[in-house]
N, C-alpha and C. Protein backbone atom coordinates (compact mmCIF):
# COMPACT_ATOMS: atom_id res chain seq x y z
N MET A 1 192.60 40.37 -144.59
CA MET A 1 191.94 41.21 -145.92
C MET A 1 192.27 42.30 -146.35
N ILE A 2 192.95 42.04 -147.75
CA ILE A 2 193.60 43.49 -148.48
C ILE A 2 192.41 44.78 -148.12
N VAL A 3 193.25 45.92 -147.89
CA VAL A 3 192.93 47.71 -148.35
C VAL A 3 193.22 47.67 -149.16
N THR A 4 192.51 48.82 -150.06
CA THR A 4 193.43 49.59 -151.01
C THR A 4 192.47 50.63 -151.74
N ASN A 5 193.22 52.00 -151.88
CA ASN A 5 192.55 53.29 -151.88
C ASN A 5 192.54 53.31 -153.75
N ILE A 6 193.22 51.91 -154.17
CA ILE A 6 193.02 51.77 -155.84
C ILE A 6 191.69 50.88 -156.39
N GLU A 7 191.26 51.00 -157.64
CA GLU A 7 189.70 50.49 -158.12
C GLU A 7 190.50 48.99 -158.47
N VAL A 8 191.90 48.27 -158.66
CA VAL A 8 192.59 46.74 -158.62
C VAL A 8 193.01 46.53 -158.03
N ILE A 9 193.40 44.81 -157.78
CA ILE A 9 194.44 44.95 -156.72
C ILE A 9 195.56 44.67 -157.78
N PRO A 10 196.90 44.86 -157.63
CA PRO A 10 197.67 43.81 -158.98
C PRO A 10 198.09 42.29 -158.70
N GLY A 11 198.12 42.06 -158.84
CA GLY A 11 198.44 40.27 -159.71
C GLY A 11 197.15 39.44 -159.24
N LYS A 12 195.90 39.95 -158.23
CA LYS A 12 195.13 39.22 -158.15
C LYS A 12 193.48 40.07 -159.16
N THR A 13 192.49 38.88 -159.34
CA THR A 13 191.63 39.28 -160.42
C THR A 13 190.58 38.75 -159.03
N VAL A 14 189.21 39.82 -159.70
CA VAL A 14 187.81 40.34 -158.77
C VAL A 14 187.52 38.88 -159.39
N ILE A 15 186.66 38.29 -158.32
CA ILE A 15 185.63 37.24 -158.94
C ILE A 15 184.53 37.51 -158.76
N LYS A 16 184.14 38.69 -157.28
CA LYS A 16 182.62 38.76 -157.28
C LYS A 16 182.74 40.36 -156.47
N HIS A 17 181.61 40.29 -157.03
CA HIS A 17 181.56 42.43 -156.74
C HIS A 17 180.26 42.01 -155.26
N LEU A 18 180.79 42.72 -154.25
CA LEU A 18 179.84 42.58 -153.52
C LEU A 18 179.39 43.56 -152.80
N GLY A 19 179.18 44.70 -152.99
CA GLY A 19 178.90 45.53 -152.93
C GLY A 19 179.54 47.26 -152.25
N ILE A 20 179.17 48.19 -151.93
CA ILE A 20 179.73 49.32 -151.05
C ILE A 20 179.38 48.87 -149.19
N VAL A 21 180.83 49.06 -149.29
CA VAL A 21 181.01 48.90 -147.38
C VAL A 21 181.63 50.18 -146.42
N ASN A 22 180.77 50.23 -145.57
CA ASN A 22 181.03 51.55 -144.77
C ASN A 22 181.71 51.80 -143.74
N GLY A 23 181.69 52.21 -142.45
CA GLY A 23 182.15 52.30 -141.58
C GLY A 23 182.43 54.12 -140.83
N ASN A 24 182.06 54.14 -139.69
CA ASN A 24 182.07 55.75 -139.52
C ASN A 24 182.06 55.64 -137.91
N THR A 25 182.48 57.18 -137.79
CA THR A 25 182.99 57.18 -135.62
C THR A 25 182.33 58.54 -135.86
N VAL A 26 181.77 59.31 -135.09
CA VAL A 26 181.65 60.73 -134.67
C VAL A 26 182.16 61.13 -133.22
N ARG A 27 182.88 62.19 -133.09
CA ARG A 27 183.72 62.25 -132.04
C ARG A 27 183.62 63.36 -131.75
N ALA A 28 183.76 64.32 -130.58
CA ALA A 28 183.52 65.01 -130.31
C ALA A 28 184.96 65.73 -129.71
N LYS A 29 185.04 67.27 -129.63
CA LYS A 29 186.13 67.63 -129.05
C LYS A 29 186.46 67.44 -127.67
N HIS A 30 187.58 67.55 -127.11
CA HIS A 30 187.76 67.54 -125.87
C HIS A 30 188.48 68.78 -125.05
N ALA A 31 187.69 69.46 -123.92
CA ALA A 31 188.02 70.23 -123.72
C ALA A 31 189.61 70.50 -123.66
N GLY A 32 190.53 70.12 -123.05
CA GLY A 32 191.74 70.22 -122.75
C GLY A 32 192.74 70.70 -124.25
N ARG A 33 191.56 69.18 -124.86
CA ARG A 33 192.91 69.57 -126.03
C ARG A 33 191.99 70.90 -126.50
N ASP A 34 190.95 71.13 -126.92
CA ASP A 34 191.13 72.73 -126.90
C ASP A 34 191.51 74.04 -126.19
N ILE A 35 191.83 73.69 -124.59
CA ILE A 35 192.92 74.82 -124.29
C ILE A 35 194.17 74.64 -124.68
N MET A 36 194.85 73.87 -125.48
CA MET A 36 195.78 73.85 -126.20
C MET A 36 196.00 73.92 -127.08
N ALA A 37 194.65 73.95 -128.00
CA ALA A 37 194.68 74.18 -129.62
C ALA A 37 194.69 75.54 -129.25
N SER A 38 193.78 76.97 -128.61
CA SER A 38 194.23 78.44 -128.42
C SER A 38 195.11 78.52 -127.96
N PHE A 39 196.39 78.08 -127.21
CA PHE A 39 197.70 78.09 -127.38
C PHE A 39 198.00 78.48 -128.64
N LYS A 40 198.17 77.61 -129.41
CA LYS A 40 198.94 77.05 -130.62
C LYS A 40 198.29 77.94 -131.51
N ASN A 41 196.85 78.27 -131.78
CA ASN A 41 196.51 79.90 -132.59
C ASN A 41 197.39 80.59 -132.28
N ILE A 42 197.95 81.41 -130.79
CA ILE A 42 198.26 81.74 -131.09
C ILE A 42 200.18 82.33 -131.27
N PHE A 43 200.17 81.05 -130.55
CA PHE A 43 202.49 81.18 -131.18
C PHE A 43 202.49 80.13 -132.67
N GLY A 44 201.33 79.43 -133.11
CA GLY A 44 201.55 78.31 -133.94
C GLY A 44 201.76 76.94 -134.17
N GLY A 45 202.24 76.29 -134.77
CA GLY A 45 202.36 74.71 -134.56
C GLY A 45 200.76 73.88 -135.10
N GLU A 46 201.52 72.45 -135.06
CA GLU A 46 200.53 70.95 -134.89
C GLU A 46 199.51 71.06 -134.31
N LEU A 47 198.22 70.49 -134.08
CA LEU A 47 197.75 70.26 -133.30
C LEU A 47 197.25 69.26 -132.61
N LYS A 48 198.73 68.92 -131.81
CA LYS A 48 198.66 66.73 -132.04
C LYS A 48 197.56 66.39 -130.75
N GLY A 49 196.87 66.97 -130.20
CA GLY A 49 196.06 66.64 -129.93
C GLY A 49 194.67 65.87 -130.90
N TYR A 50 194.10 67.00 -131.63
CA TYR A 50 193.39 66.52 -132.64
C TYR A 50 193.95 65.94 -133.66
N THR A 51 194.91 66.38 -134.70
CA THR A 51 195.33 65.40 -134.62
C THR A 51 195.86 63.73 -134.45
N GLU A 52 195.98 63.43 -133.13
CA GLU A 52 195.47 62.12 -132.40
C GLU A 52 194.37 62.04 -132.79
N LEU A 53 193.42 62.81 -132.60
CA LEU A 53 191.89 62.26 -132.28
C LEU A 53 191.77 61.57 -133.74
N LEU A 54 192.33 62.49 -134.72
CA LEU A 54 191.31 62.03 -136.01
C LEU A 54 191.78 60.66 -136.40
N GLN A 55 193.53 60.75 -136.29
CA GLN A 55 193.81 59.39 -136.51
C GLN A 55 193.58 58.21 -136.24
N GLU A 56 193.09 57.72 -134.64
CA GLU A 56 191.87 57.34 -134.07
C GLU A 56 190.66 56.87 -134.58
N SER A 57 189.87 58.31 -135.38
CA SER A 57 188.61 58.37 -135.73
C SER A 57 189.10 57.22 -137.47
N ARG A 58 190.19 57.77 -137.83
CA ARG A 58 190.05 56.78 -139.31
C ARG A 58 190.52 55.40 -138.83
N GLU A 59 191.02 55.10 -138.35
CA GLU A 59 191.38 53.77 -137.46
C GLU A 59 190.23 52.97 -137.04
N GLU A 60 188.76 53.61 -136.26
CA GLU A 60 188.29 52.85 -135.99
C GLU A 60 187.37 52.61 -137.12
N ALA A 61 186.72 53.70 -138.28
CA ALA A 61 185.74 53.82 -138.73
C ALA A 61 186.73 52.79 -139.93
N LEU A 62 187.88 52.82 -140.48
CA LEU A 62 188.54 52.49 -140.95
C LEU A 62 187.61 50.53 -141.00
N GLN A 63 187.90 50.06 -139.30
CA GLN A 63 188.21 48.73 -138.87
C GLN A 63 186.12 48.30 -139.18
N ARG A 64 186.09 49.59 -138.61
CA ARG A 64 184.26 48.77 -139.15
C ARG A 64 183.88 48.83 -140.50
N MET A 65 184.68 49.57 -141.52
CA MET A 65 184.07 48.61 -142.84
C MET A 65 184.52 47.59 -143.38
N ILE A 66 186.22 47.10 -142.70
CA ILE A 66 186.29 45.60 -142.95
C ILE A 66 185.60 45.02 -141.99
N GLU A 67 185.17 45.34 -141.21
CA GLU A 67 183.94 44.12 -140.11
C GLU A 67 182.59 43.71 -140.86
N GLN A 68 182.81 45.01 -141.83
CA GLN A 68 181.17 44.76 -142.78
C GLN A 68 181.35 44.02 -143.58
N ALA A 69 182.28 44.45 -144.46
CA ALA A 69 182.82 43.75 -145.23
C ALA A 69 183.08 42.36 -145.02
N GLN A 70 183.93 41.68 -143.59
CA GLN A 70 183.83 40.19 -143.94
C GLN A 70 182.78 40.16 -143.54
N ALA A 71 181.88 40.42 -142.97
CA ALA A 71 180.28 39.87 -142.48
C ALA A 71 180.06 39.05 -144.09
N ILE A 72 179.87 39.95 -145.03
CA ILE A 72 178.94 39.62 -145.65
C ILE A 72 180.21 38.39 -147.45
N GLY A 73 181.48 38.50 -146.69
CA GLY A 73 181.74 37.66 -147.49
C GLY A 73 183.10 38.25 -148.23
N ALA A 74 183.40 39.23 -148.00
CA ALA A 74 184.79 39.33 -148.58
C ALA A 74 186.03 39.94 -148.03
N ASN A 75 187.63 39.14 -149.46
CA ASN A 75 188.65 39.21 -148.65
C ASN A 75 189.27 40.11 -149.59
N ALA A 76 188.69 41.32 -149.48
CA ALA A 76 189.12 42.82 -150.10
C ALA A 76 188.35 43.48 -150.18
N VAL A 77 188.66 45.26 -150.23
CA VAL A 77 187.54 45.94 -150.30
C VAL A 77 189.08 47.18 -151.05
N VAL A 78 188.11 47.52 -152.22
CA VAL A 78 188.62 48.55 -153.14
C VAL A 78 188.06 49.50 -152.94
N ASN A 79 189.24 50.65 -153.60
CA ASN A 79 188.48 51.84 -153.73
C ASN A 79 187.70 52.10 -152.98
N VAL A 80 188.73 52.30 -151.59
CA VAL A 80 188.32 52.79 -150.08
C VAL A 80 188.89 54.34 -150.89
N ARG A 81 187.41 55.22 -149.47
CA ARG A 81 187.87 56.54 -149.25
C ARG A 81 187.35 56.96 -148.03
N PHE A 82 187.42 57.99 -147.28
CA PHE A 82 187.38 58.58 -146.27
C PHE A 82 186.77 60.19 -146.47
N SER A 83 186.05 60.46 -145.68
CA SER A 83 185.26 61.73 -146.21
C SER A 83 184.92 62.92 -144.42
N THR A 84 185.46 63.62 -143.92
CA THR A 84 184.94 64.45 -142.93
C THR A 84 183.82 65.66 -142.76
N SER A 85 183.05 65.51 -141.67
CA SER A 85 181.70 65.97 -142.50
C SER A 85 181.28 66.61 -140.48
N SER A 86 181.26 68.31 -140.48
CA SER A 86 180.90 68.46 -139.15
C SER A 86 179.40 67.80 -138.61
N ILE A 87 179.40 67.56 -137.49
CA ILE A 87 177.86 66.76 -136.73
C ILE A 87 176.85 68.30 -136.24
N ALA A 88 178.48 68.65 -135.50
CA ALA A 88 177.26 69.55 -134.47
C ALA A 88 178.13 70.77 -133.91
N ALA A 89 177.89 71.59 -133.55
CA ALA A 89 179.16 71.92 -132.65
C ALA A 89 180.09 71.56 -131.85
N GLY A 90 181.47 71.67 -132.43
CA GLY A 90 182.44 70.17 -131.75
C GLY A 90 182.29 69.37 -131.96
N ALA A 91 181.37 68.69 -132.84
CA ALA A 91 181.31 67.14 -132.73
C ALA A 91 181.94 67.02 -134.75
N ALA A 92 182.55 65.53 -135.24
CA ALA A 92 182.83 65.19 -136.42
C ALA A 92 182.16 64.46 -136.48
N GLU A 93 182.01 63.50 -137.96
CA GLU A 93 182.10 62.13 -137.90
C GLU A 93 182.77 62.42 -139.40
N LEU A 94 184.19 61.24 -139.32
CA LEU A 94 184.33 59.99 -139.95
C LEU A 94 184.49 59.20 -140.42
N PHE A 95 183.98 59.29 -141.73
CA PHE A 95 183.67 58.41 -142.53
C PHE A 95 184.09 57.56 -143.60
N ALA A 96 184.36 56.03 -143.63
CA ALA A 96 185.64 55.57 -144.38
C ALA A 96 184.78 54.58 -145.46
N TYR A 97 184.51 54.88 -146.75
CA TYR A 97 183.86 53.98 -147.47
C TYR A 97 184.53 53.06 -148.54
N GLY A 98 183.85 52.10 -149.20
CA GLY A 98 184.86 51.26 -150.62
C GLY A 98 183.79 50.07 -151.19
N THR A 99 184.38 49.45 -151.62
CA THR A 99 183.56 48.35 -152.76
C THR A 99 184.47 47.14 -151.80
N ALA A 100 183.55 46.08 -151.47
CA ALA A 100 183.77 44.68 -150.33
C ALA A 100 184.16 43.81 -152.34
N VAL A 101 184.78 42.95 -152.22
CA VAL A 101 185.40 42.02 -153.25
C VAL A 101 185.60 41.18 -152.85
N VAL A 102 185.36 39.92 -153.52
CA VAL A 102 186.43 38.80 -153.74
C VAL A 102 187.22 37.98 -154.14
N VAL A 103 188.70 38.58 -153.96
CA VAL A 103 189.45 38.77 -155.35
C VAL A 103 190.27 36.53 -155.21
N GLU A 104 190.88 36.23 -155.99
CA GLU A 104 192.54 35.20 -155.88
C GLU A 104 193.37 35.74 -156.94
């Protein structure tokens, strides 16, 4: 599966447009990470626990989008984008979306 954030794939021709596909995940903050984050707010620095949480979330949302694309017969997803939004206090959604296509 080719996944790209550009609209075309160099050297490939889109022969079929299958529509928009997406994947998402909603994650809640971890109490242990919140404690470490409060220390970082005082002293400064990267919040590595949250960085890891967001990376895991991106990968999960991306994988779900790929699975949806495969289910409808795509071999590529172009123009992929990510979006993040707050769902509730301490919980956020990470959303991946793109256009499923068949290329040759």
